Amino acid sequence: MKTLSKAVLLTVLAISATGAQAQGADTYKAKCQMCHGADGSASTPAGKAMKVPALATFVKMSESDLIAIVKSGKGKMPAYSGKLTDPQIKDVTTYMLSLK
């Protein structure tokens, strides 16, 4: 019985992680991709026009620093605090880090 409970718990955690990754990807596509690009290279017309840095420049930062940037904005990037929930910001930050 304990083995079954552990298997169910691991399955639920895996599904949750997959769901969070998908939600982060959806938020990225809706809010970030137009400037940062599908691959995070910032090679979009908007990204080039605004001289947006590629996401690779941010991967050395901690997740909490990235969350702060998404919440407060930086340079020409708007603040998303109040526009996205904290879980959405965490999910999109996790997704952004996966693009490195």
PDB file of N, CA and C in Angstrom:
ATOM      1  N   MET A   1       0.820  -1.197   0.000  1.00  0.00           N
ATOM      2  CA  MET A   1       0.000   0.000   0.000  1.00  0.00           C
ATOM      3  C   MET A   1       0.864   1.262   0.000  1.00  0.00           C
ATOM      4  N   LYS A   2       1.966   1.240   0.787  1.00  0.00           N
ATOM      5  CA  LYS A   2       2.842   2.403   0.827  1.00  0.00           C
ATOM      6  C   LYS A   2       3.482   2.650  -0.529  1.00  0.00           C
ATOM      7  N   THR A   3       3.831   1.590  -1.233  1.00  0.00           N
ATOM      8  CA  THR A   3       4.433   1.728  -2.554  1.00  0.00           C
ATOM      9  C   THR A   3       3.457   2.374  -3.516  1.00  0.00           C
ATOM     10  N   LEU A   4       2.197   1.988  -3.444  1.00  0.00           N
ATOM     11  CA  LEU A   4       1.177   2.581  -4.301  1.00  0.00           C
ATOM     12  C   LEU A   4       1.004   4.055  -3.975  1.00  0.00           C
ATOM     13  N   SER A   5       0.984   4.410  -2.697  1.00  0.00           N
ATOM     14  CA  SER A   5       0.849   5.809  -2.289  1.00  0.00           C
ATOM     15  C   SER A   5       2.017   6.641  -2.789  1.00  0.00           C
ATOM     16  N   LYS A   6       3.226   6.112  -2.700  1.00  0.00           N
ATOM     17  CA  LYS A   6       4.399   6.826  -3.193  1.00  0.00           C
ATOM     18  C   LYS A   6       4.325   7.016  -4.701  1.00  0.00           C
ATOM     19  N   ALA A   7       3.881   5.988  -5.409  1.00  0.00           N
ATOM     20  CA  ALA A   7       3.763   6.071  -6.867  1.00  0.00           C
ATOM     21  C   ALA A   7       2.730   7.124  -7.261  1.00  0.00           C
ATOM     22  N   VAL A   8       1.627   7.158  -6.555  1.00  0.00           N
ATOM     23  CA  VAL A   8       0.577   8.148  -6.842  1.00  0.00           C
ATOM     24  C   VAL A   8       1.111   9.548  -6.560  1.00  0.00           C
ATOM     25  N   LEU A   9       1.801   9.731  -5.445  1.00  0.00           N
ATOM     26  CA  LEU A   9       2.364  11.028  -5.100  1.00  0.00           C
ATOM     27  C   LEU A   9       3.365  11.495  -6.147  1.00  0.00           C
ATOM     28  N   LEU A  10       4.245  10.607  -6.581  1.00  0.00           N
ATOM     29  CA  LEU A  10       5.225  10.965  -7.607  1.00  0.00           C
ATOM     30  C   LEU A  10       4.548  11.322  -8.926  1.00  0.00           C
ATOM     31  N   THR A  11       3.496  10.619  -9.261  1.00  0.00           N
ATOM     32  CA  THR A  11       2.754  10.917 -10.488  1.00  0.00           C
ATOM     33  C   THR A  11       2.112  12.293 -10.400  1.00  0.00           C
ATOM     34  N   VAL A  12       1.499  12.595  -9.263  1.00  0.00           N
ATOM     35  CA  VAL A  12       0.861  13.901  -9.071  1.00  0.00           C
ATOM     36  C   VAL A  12       1.904  15.013  -9.146  1.00  0.00           C
ATOM     37  N   LEU A  13       3.052  14.822  -8.523  1.00  0.00           N
ATOM     38  CA  LEU A  13       4.113  15.828  -8.579  1.00  0.00           C
ATOM     39  C   LEU A  13       4.629  16.021 -10.002  1.00  0.00           C
ATOM     40  N   ALA A  14       4.770  14.955 -10.741  1.00  0.00           N
ATOM     41  CA  ALA A  14       5.234  15.051 -12.134  1.00  0.00           C
ATOM     42  C   ALA A  14       4.229  15.799 -12.990  1.00  0.00           C
ATOM     43  N   ILE A  15       2.958  15.508 -12.792  1.00  0.00           N
ATOM     44  CA  ILE A  15       1.912  16.203 -13.551  1.00  0.00           C
ATOM     45  C   ILE A  15       1.896  17.680 -13.190  1.00  0.00           C
ATOM     46  N   SER A  16       2.055  17.995 -11.910  1.00  0.00           N
ATOM     47  CA  SER A  16       2.080  19.388 -11.473  1.00  0.00           C
ATOM     48  C   SER A  16       3.247  20.141 -12.100  1.00  0.00           C
ATOM     49  N   ALA A  17       4.421  19.522 -12.113  1.00  0.00           N
ATOM     50  CA  ALA A  17       5.595  20.162 -12.700  1.00  0.00           C
ATOM     51  C   ALA A  17       5.400  20.385 -14.197  1.00  0.00           C
ATOM     52  N   THR A  18       4.835  19.408 -14.869  1.00  0.00           N
ATOM     53  CA  THR A  18       4.567  19.536 -16.300  1.00  0.00           C
ATOM     54  C   THR A  18       3.555  20.643 -16.556  1.00  0.00           C
ATOM     55  N   GLY A  19       2.538  20.713 -15.723  1.00  0.00           N
ATOM     56  CA  GLY A  19       1.523  21.762 -15.853  1.00  0.00           C
ATOM     57  C   GLY A  19       2.112  23.137 -15.638  1.00  0.00           C
ATOM     58  N   ALA A  20       2.984  23.272 -14.639  1.00  0.00           N
ATOM     59  CA  ALA A  20       3.633  24.550 -14.374  1.00  0.00           C
ATOM     60  C   ALA A  20       4.514  24.957 -15.547  1.00  0.00           C
ATOM     61  N   GLN A  21       5.236  24.006 -16.118  1.00  0.00           N
ATOM     62  CA  GLN A  21       6.088  24.286 -17.277  1.00  0.00           C
ATOM     63  C   GLN A  21       5.230  24.757 -18.458  1.00  0.00           C
ATOM     64  N   ALA A  22       4.112  24.099 -18.674  1.00  0.00           N
ATOM     65  CA  ALA A  22       3.222  24.489 -19.776  1.00  0.00           C
ATOM     66  C   ALA A  22       2.627  25.866 -19.524  1.00  0.00           C
ATOM     67  N   GLN A  23       2.244  26.140 -18.290  1.00  0.00           N
ATOM     68  CA  GLN A  23       1.693  27.462 -17.965  1.00  0.00           C
ATOM     69  C   GLN A  23       2.748  28.543 -18.137  1.00  0.00           C
ATOM     70  N   GLY A  24       3.978  28.246 -17.722  1.00  0.00           N
ATOM     71  CA  GLY A  24       5.074  29.194 -17.915  1.00  0.00           C
ATOM     72  C   GLY A  24       5.317  29.469 -19.385  1.00  0.00           C
ATOM     73  N   ALA A  25       5.245  28.428 -20.204  1.00  0.00           N
ATOM     74  CA  ALA A  25       5.425  28.587 -21.653  1.00  0.00           C
ATOM     75  C   ALA A  25       4.306  29.425 -22.241  1.00  0.00           C
ATOM     76  N   ASP A  26       3.080  29.190 -21.794  1.00  0.00           N
ATOM     77  CA  ASP A  26       1.942  29.970 -22.298  1.00  0.00           C
ATOM     78  C   ASP A  26       2.075  31.447 -21.930  1.00  0.00           C
ATOM     79  N   THR A  27       2.466  31.713 -20.686  1.00  0.00           N
ATOM     80  CA  THR A  27       2.645  33.098 -20.250  1.00  0.00           C
ATOM     81  C   THR A  27       3.786  33.751 -21.019  1.00  0.00           C
ATOM     82  N   TYR A  28       4.872  33.017 -21.220  1.00  0.00           N
ATOM     83  CA  TYR A  28       6.002  33.543 -21.984  1.00  0.00           C
ATOM     84  C   TYR A  28       5.559  33.921 -23.399  1.00  0.00           C
ATOM     85  N   LYS A  29       4.813  33.030 -24.036  1.00  0.00           N
ATOM     86  CA  LYS A  29       4.352  33.306 -25.405  1.00  0.00           C
ATOM     87  C   LYS A  29       3.464  34.541 -25.451  1.00  0.00           C
ATOM     88  N   ALA A  30       2.631  34.716 -24.443  1.00  0.00           N
ATOM     89  CA  ALA A  30       1.695  35.834 -24.431  1.00  0.00           C
ATOM     90  C   ALA A  30       2.344  37.161 -24.044  1.00  0.00           C
ATOM     91  N   LYS A  31       3.309  37.130 -23.140  1.00  0.00           N
ATOM     92  CA  LYS A  31       3.834  38.373 -22.573  1.00  0.00           C
ATOM     93  C   LYS A  31       5.286  38.698 -22.932  1.00  0.00           C
ATOM     94  N   CYS A  32       6.085  37.706 -23.264  1.00  0.00           N
ATOM     95  CA  CYS A  32       7.537  37.912 -23.388  1.00  0.00           C
ATOM     96  C   CYS A  32       8.083  37.672 -24.793  1.00  0.00           C
ATOM     97  N   GLN A  33       7.490  36.717 -25.490  1.00  0.00           N
ATOM     98  CA  GLN A  33       8.044  36.260 -26.762  1.00  0.00           C
ATOM     99  C   GLN A  33       8.140  37.361 -27.800  1.00  0.00           C
ATOM    100  N   MET A  34       7.230  38.336 -27.778  1.00  0.00           N
ATOM    101  CA  MET A  34       7.254  39.371 -28.811  1.00  0.00           C
ATOM    102  C   MET A  34       8.564  40.160 -28.806  1.00  0.00           C
ATOM    103  N   CYS A  35       9.189  40.273 -27.641  1.00  0.00           N
ATOM    104  CA  CYS A  35      10.468  40.982 -27.563  1.00  0.00           C
ATOM    105  C   CYS A  35      11.651  40.029 -27.405  1.00  0.00           C
ATOM    106  N   HIS A  36      11.497  39.033 -26.533  1.00  0.00           N
ATOM    107  CA  HIS A  36      12.614  38.129 -26.236  1.00  0.00           C
ATOM    108  C   HIS A  36      12.752  36.984 -27.231  1.00  0.00           C
ATOM    109  N   GLY A  37      11.751  36.769 -28.078  1.00  0.00           N
ATOM    110  CA  GLY A  37      11.813  35.718 -29.081  1.00  0.00           C
ATOM    111  C   GLY A  37      11.458  34.355 -28.538  1.00  0.00           C
ATOM    112  N   ALA A  38      11.051  33.462 -29.421  1.00  0.00           N
ATOM    113  CA  ALA A  38      10.634  32.113 -29.031  1.00  0.00           C
ATOM    114  C   ALA A  38      11.764  31.350 -28.344  1.00  0.00           C
ATOM    115  N   ASP A  39      13.001  31.637 -28.755  1.00  0.00           N
ATOM    116  CA  ASP A  39      14.147  30.924 -28.199  1.00  0.00           C
ATOM    117  C   ASP A  39      14.918  31.751 -27.169  1.00  0.00           C
ATOM    118  N   GLY A  40      14.427  32.937 -26.851  1.00  0.00           N
ATOM    119  CA  GLY A  40      15.087  33.790 -25.868  1.00  0.00           C
ATOM    120  C   GLY A  40      16.238  34.613 -26.413  1.00  0.00           C
ATOM    121  N   SER A  41      16.439  34.584 -27.734  1.00  0.00           N
ATOM    122  CA  SER A  41      17.578  35.278 -28.343  1.00  0.00           C
ATOM    123  C   SER A  41      17.345  36.775 -28.552  1.00  0.00           C
ATOM    124  N   ALA A  42      16.112  37.237 -28.378  1.00  0.00           N
ATOM    125  CA  ALA A  42      15.739  38.645 -28.571  1.00  0.00           C
ATOM    126  C   ALA A  42      15.968  39.119 -29.997  1.00  0.00           C
ATOM    127  N   SER A  43      15.888  38.201 -30.940  1.00  0.00           N
ATOM    128  CA  SER A  43      16.136  38.557 -32.335  1.00  0.00           C
ATOM    129  C   SER A  43      14.860  38.917 -33.085  1.00  0.00           C
ATOM    130  N   THR A  44      13.835  39.319 -32.367  1.00  0.00           N
ATOM    131  CA  THR A  44      12.579  39.745 -32.993  1.00  0.00           C
ATOM    132  C   THR A  44      12.715  41.204 -33.426  1.00  0.00           C
ATOM    133  N   PRO A  45      11.850  41.682 -34.310  1.00  0.00           N
ATOM    134  CA  PRO A  45      11.914  43.102 -34.680  1.00  0.00           C
ATOM    135  C   PRO A  45      11.781  44.026 -33.453  1.00  0.00           C
ATOM    136  N   ALA A  46      10.863  43.709 -32.549  1.00  0.00           N
ATOM    137  CA  ALA A  46      10.702  44.538 -31.349  1.00  0.00           C
ATOM    138  C   ALA A  46      11.937  44.442 -30.459  1.00  0.00           C
ATOM    139  N   GLY A  47      12.462  43.238 -30.313  1.00  0.00           N
ATOM    140  CA  GLY A  47      13.658  43.050 -29.499  1.00  0.00           C
ATOM    141  C   GLY A  47      14.849  43.815 -30.034  1.00  0.00           C
ATOM    142  N   LYS A  48      15.018  43.782 -31.351  1.00  0.00           N
ATOM    143  CA  LYS A  48      16.126  44.504 -31.977  1.00  0.00           C
ATOM    144  C   LYS A  48      15.929  46.013 -31.847  1.00  0.00           C
ATOM    145  N   ALA A  49      14.702  46.486 -32.078  1.00  0.00           N
ATOM    146  CA  ALA A  49      14.421  47.919 -32.014  1.00  0.00           C
ATOM    147  C   ALA A  49      14.654  48.484 -30.618  1.00  0.00           C
ATOM    148  N   MET A  50      14.328  47.700 -29.598  1.00  0.00           N
ATOM    149  CA  MET A  50      14.480  48.180 -28.220  1.00  0.00           C
ATOM    150  C   MET A  50      15.785  47.716 -27.578  1.00  0.00           C
ATOM    151  N   LYS A  51      16.627  47.040 -28.363  1.00  0.00           N
ATOM    152  CA  LYS A  51      17.917  46.538 -27.873  1.00  0.00           C
ATOM    153  C   LYS A  51      17.741  45.676 -26.624  1.00  0.00           C
ATOM    154  N   VAL A  52      16.798  44.738 -26.725  1.00  0.00           N
ATOM    155  CA  VAL A  52      16.509  43.815 -25.634  1.00  0.00           C
ATOM    156  C   VAL A  52      17.644  42.800 -25.533  1.00  0.00           C
ATOM    157  N   PRO A  53      18.155  42.575 -24.330  1.00  0.00           N
ATOM    158  CA  PRO A  53      19.205  41.555 -24.197  1.00  0.00           C
ATOM    159  C   PRO A  53      18.627  40.152 -24.307  1.00  0.00           C
ATOM    160  N   ALA A  54      19.425  39.249 -24.820  1.00  0.00           N
ATOM    161  CA  ALA A  54      19.012  37.847 -24.892  1.00  0.00           C
ATOM    162  C   ALA A  54      18.880  37.294 -23.475  1.00  0.00           C
ATOM    163  N   LEU A  55      18.008  36.319 -23.309  1.00  0.00           N
ATOM    164  CA  LEU A  55      17.807  35.727 -21.993  1.00  0.00           C
ATOM    165  C   LEU A  55      19.069  35.059 -21.463  1.00  0.00           C
ATOM    166  N   ALA A  56      19.970  34.678 -22.338  1.00  0.00           N
ATOM    167  CA  ALA A  56      21.224  34.052 -21.907  1.00  0.00           C
ATOM    168  C   ALA A  56      22.017  34.973 -20.988  1.00  0.00           C
ATOM    169  N   THR A  57      21.820  36.283 -21.106  1.00  0.00           N
ATOM    170  CA  THR A  57      22.533  37.217 -20.230  1.00  0.00           C
ATOM    171  C   THR A  57      21.993  37.175 -18.800  1.00  0.00           C
ATOM    172  N   PHE A  58      20.818  36.598 -18.612  1.00  0.00           N
ATOM    173  CA  PHE A  58      20.196  36.564 -17.287  1.00  0.00           C
ATOM    174  C   PHE A  58      20.326  35.224 -16.575  1.00  0.00           C
ATOM    175  N   VAL A  59      20.804  34.191 -17.256  1.00  0.00           N
ATOM    176  CA  VAL A  59      20.807  32.858 -16.657  1.00  0.00           C
ATOM    177  C   VAL A  59      21.749  32.724 -15.468  1.00  0.00           C
ATOM    178  N   LYS A  60      22.687  33.618 -15.329  1.00  0.00           N
ATOM    179  CA  LYS A  60      23.589  33.573 -14.184  1.00  0.00           C
ATOM    180  C   LYS A  60      22.943  34.168 -12.936  1.00  0.00           C
ATOM    181  N   MET A  61      21.830  34.849 -13.120  1.00  0.00           N
ATOM    182  CA  MET A  61      21.134  35.464 -11.995  1.00  0.00           C
ATOM    183  C   MET A  61      20.345  34.405 -11.233  1.00  0.00           C
ATOM    184  N   SER A  62      20.076  34.690  -9.987  1.00  0.00           N
ATOM    185  CA  SER A  62      19.258  33.769  -9.196  1.00  0.00           C
ATOM    186  C   SER A  62      17.802  33.881  -9.635  1.00  0.00           C
ATOM    187  N   GLU A  63      17.048  32.851  -9.331  1.00  0.00           N
ATOM    188  CA  GLU A  63      15.626  32.872  -9.673  1.00  0.00           C
ATOM    189  C   GLU A  63      14.926  34.033  -8.977  1.00  0.00           C
ATOM    190  N   SER A  64      15.292  34.322  -7.746  1.00  0.00           N
ATOM    191  CA  SER A  64      14.645  35.428  -7.030  1.00  0.00           C
ATOM    192  C   SER A  64      14.960  36.775  -7.683  1.00  0.00           C
ATOM    193  N   ASP A  65      16.169  36.937  -8.232  1.00  0.00           N
ATOM    194  CA  ASP A  65      16.507  38.173  -8.946  1.00  0.00           C
ATOM    195  C   ASP A  65      15.683  38.303 -10.228  1.00  0.00           C
ATOM    196  N   LEU A  66      15.524  37.191 -10.933  1.00  0.00           N
ATOM    197  CA  LEU A  66      14.717  37.212 -12.161  1.00  0.00           C
ATOM    198  C   LEU A  66      13.257  37.515 -11.847  1.00  0.00           C
ATOM    199  N   ILE A  67      12.750  36.930 -10.777  1.00  0.00           N
ATOM    200  CA  ILE A  67      11.370  37.197 -10.371  1.00  0.00           C
ATOM    201  C   ILE A  67      11.206  38.685 -10.071  1.00  0.00           C
ATOM    202  N   ALA A  68      12.187  39.276  -9.407  1.00  0.00           N
ATOM    203  CA  ALA A  68      12.130  40.706  -9.088  1.00  0.00           C
ATOM    204  C   ALA A  68      12.098  41.553 -10.360  1.00  0.00           C
ATOM    205  N   ILE A  69      12.875  41.159 -11.371  1.00  0.00           N
ATOM    206  CA  ILE A  69      12.875  41.895 -12.642  1.00  0.00           C
ATOM    207  C   ILE A  69      11.519  41.785 -13.323  1.00  0.00           C
ATOM    208  N   VAL A  70      10.955  40.590 -13.351  1.00  0.00           N
ATOM    209  CA  VAL A  70       9.642  40.410 -13.988  1.00  0.00           C
ATOM    210  C   VAL A  70       8.593  41.234 -13.241  1.00  0.00           C
ATOM    211  N   LYS A  71       8.650  41.232 -11.923  1.00  0.00           N
ATOM    212  CA  LYS A  71       7.677  41.987 -11.134  1.00  0.00           C
ATOM    213  C   LYS A  71       7.831  43.492 -11.308  1.00  0.00           C
ATOM    214  N   SER A  72       9.069  43.981 -11.254  1.00  0.00           N
ATOM    215  CA  SER A  72       9.309  45.429 -11.229  1.00  0.00           C
ATOM    216  C   SER A  72       9.643  46.032 -12.584  1.00  0.00           C
ATOM    217  N   GLY A  73      10.002  45.188 -13.544  1.00  0.00           N
ATOM    218  CA  GLY A  73      10.433  45.682 -14.841  1.00  0.00           C
ATOM    219  C   GLY A  73      11.894  46.085 -14.787  1.00  0.00           C
ATOM    220  N   LYS A  74      12.453  46.322 -15.951  1.00  0.00           N
ATOM    221  CA  LYS A  74      13.852  46.759 -16.026  1.00  0.00           C
ATOM    222  C   LYS A  74      14.070  47.408 -17.381  1.00  0.00           C
ATOM    223  N   GLY A  75      14.644  48.579 -17.379  1.00  0.00           N
ATOM    224  CA  GLY A  75      14.843  49.287 -18.635  1.00  0.00           C
ATOM    225  C   GLY A  75      13.500  49.544 -19.305  1.00  0.00           C
ATOM    226  N   LYS A  76      13.373  49.106 -20.547  1.00  0.00           N
ATOM    227  CA  LYS A  76      12.118  49.301 -21.279  1.00  0.00           C
ATOM    228  C   LYS A  76      11.095  48.205 -21.021  1.00  0.00           C
ATOM    229  N   MET A  77      11.504  47.175 -20.277  1.00  0.00           N
ATOM    230  CA  MET A  77      10.572  46.094 -19.971  1.00  0.00           C
ATOM    231  C   MET A  77       9.581  46.555 -18.912  1.00  0.00           C
ATOM    232  N   PRO A  78       8.285  46.365 -19.177  1.00  0.00           N
ATOM    233  CA  PRO A  78       7.291  46.800 -18.189  1.00  0.00           C
ATOM    234  C   PRO A  78       7.263  45.884 -16.963  1.00  0.00           C
ATOM    235  N   ALA A  79       6.747  46.420 -15.882  1.00  0.00           N
ATOM    236  CA  ALA A  79       6.552  45.637 -14.662  1.00  0.00           C
ATOM    237  C   ALA A  79       5.312  44.765 -14.834  1.00  0.00           C
ATOM    238  N   TYR A  80       5.371  43.543 -14.363  1.00  0.00           N
ATOM    239  CA  TYR A  80       4.237  42.636 -14.464  1.00  0.00           C
ATOM    240  C   TYR A  80       3.588  42.356 -13.114  1.00  0.00           C
ATOM    241  N   SER A  81       4.050  43.007 -12.060  1.00  0.00           N
ATOM    242  CA  SER A  81       3.395  42.896 -10.767  1.00  0.00           C
ATOM    243  C   SER A  81       1.998  43.497 -10.898  1.00  0.00           C
ATOM    244  N   GLY A  82       1.005  42.757 -10.500  1.00  0.00           N
ATOM    245  CA  GLY A  82      -0.374  43.208 -10.651  1.00  0.00           C
ATOM    246  C   GLY A  82      -1.000  42.793 -11.970  1.00  0.00           C
ATOM    247  N   LYS A  83      -0.177  42.436 -12.952  1.00  0.00           N
ATOM    248  CA  LYS A  83      -0.667  41.951 -14.243  1.00  0.00           C
ATOM    249  C   LYS A  83      -0.612  40.434 -14.300  1.00  0.00           C
ATOM    250  N   LEU A  84       0.374  39.866 -13.609  1.00  0.00           N
ATOM    251  CA  LEU A  84       0.518  38.416 -13.495  1.00  0.00           C
ATOM    252  C   LEU A  84       0.513  38.064 -12.012  1.00  0.00           C
ATOM    253  N   THR A  85       0.012  36.892 -11.691  1.00  0.00           N
ATOM    254  CA  THR A  85       0.034  36.431 -10.309  1.00  0.00           C
ATOM    255  C   THR A  85       1.441  35.966  -9.949  1.00  0.00           C
ATOM    256  N   ASP A  86       1.719  35.844  -8.660  1.00  0.00           N
ATOM    257  CA  ASP A  86       3.033  35.339  -8.242  1.00  0.00           C
ATOM    258  C   ASP A  86       3.324  33.948  -8.810  1.00  0.00           C
ATOM    259  N   PRO A  87       2.338  33.017  -8.796  1.00  0.00           N
ATOM    260  CA  PRO A  87       2.612  31.716  -9.425  1.00  0.00           C
ATOM    261  C   PRO A  87       2.903  31.821 -10.931  1.00  0.00           C
ATOM    262  N   GLN A  88       2.218  32.716 -11.632  1.00  0.00           N
ATOM    263  CA  GLN A  88       2.489  32.898 -13.060  1.00  0.00           C
ATOM    264  C   GLN A  88       3.907  33.433 -13.274  1.00  0.00           C
ATOM    265  N   ILE A  89       4.319  34.362 -12.430  1.00  0.00           N
ATOM    266  CA  ILE A  89       5.666  34.931 -12.544  1.00  0.00           C
ATOM    267  C   ILE A  89       6.708  33.859 -12.266  1.00  0.00           C
ATOM    268  N   LYS A  90       6.483  33.046 -11.265  1.00  0.00           N
ATOM    269  CA  LYS A  90       7.431  31.956 -10.953  1.00  0.00           C
ATOM    270  C   LYS A  90       7.494  30.969 -12.118  1.00  0.00           C
ATOM    271  N   ASP A  91       6.328  30.597 -12.659  1.00  0.00           N
ATOM    272  CA  ASP A  91       6.300  29.651 -13.782  1.00  0.00           C
ATOM    273  C   ASP A  91       7.008  30.209 -15.013  1.00  0.00           C
ATOM    274  N   VAL A  92       6.774  31.478 -15.326  1.00  0.00           N
ATOM    275  CA  VAL A  92       7.410  32.047 -16.523  1.00  0.00           C
ATOM    276  C   VAL A  92       8.904  32.197 -16.305  1.00  0.00           C
ATOM    277  N   THR A  93       9.323  32.493 -15.086  1.00  0.00           N
ATOM    278  CA  THR A  93      10.753  32.599 -14.788  1.00  0.00           C
ATOM    279  C   THR A  93      11.428  31.244 -14.939  1.00  0.00           C
ATOM    280  N   THR A  94      10.777  30.214 -14.432  1.00  0.00           N
ATOM    281  CA  THR A  94      11.303  28.848 -14.585  1.00  0.00           C
ATOM    282  C   THR A  94      11.396  28.479 -16.061  1.00  0.00           C
ATOM    283  N   TYR A  95      10.382  28.845 -16.826  1.00  0.00           N
ATOM    284  CA  TYR A  95      10.405  28.557 -18.265  1.00  0.00           C
ATOM    285  C   TYR A  95      11.550  29.327 -18.937  1.00  0.00           C
ATOM    286  N   MET A  96      11.726  30.590 -18.576  1.00  0.00           N
ATOM    287  CA  MET A  96      12.795  31.395 -19.168  1.00  0.00           C
ATOM    288  C   MET A  96      14.163  30.743 -18.928  1.00  0.00           C
ATOM    289  N   LEU A  97      14.356  30.238 -17.730  1.00  0.00           N
ATOM    290  CA  LEU A  97      15.631  29.575 -17.414  1.00  0.00           C
ATOM    291  C   LEU A  97      15.823  28.301 -18.230  1.00  0.00           C
ATOM    292  N   SER A  98      14.735  27.689 -18.653  1.00  0.00           N
ATOM    293  CA  SER A  98      14.850  26.470 -19.462  1.00  0.00           C
ATOM    294  C   SER A  98      15.284  26.777 -20.896  1.00  0.00           C
ATOM    295  N   LEU A  99      15.202  28.031 -21.311  1.00  0.00           N
ATOM    296  CA  LEU A  99      15.578  28.400 -22.677  1.00  0.00           C
ATOM    297  C   LEU A  99      17.081  28.576 -22.866  1.00  0.00           C
ATOM    298  N   LYS A 100      17.833  28.544 -21.787  1.00  0.00           N
ATOM    299  CA  LYS A 100      19.285  28.749 -21.893  1.00  0.00           C
ATOM    300  C   LYS A 100      19.892  27.660 -22.679  1.00  0.00           C
TER     301      LYS A 100
END
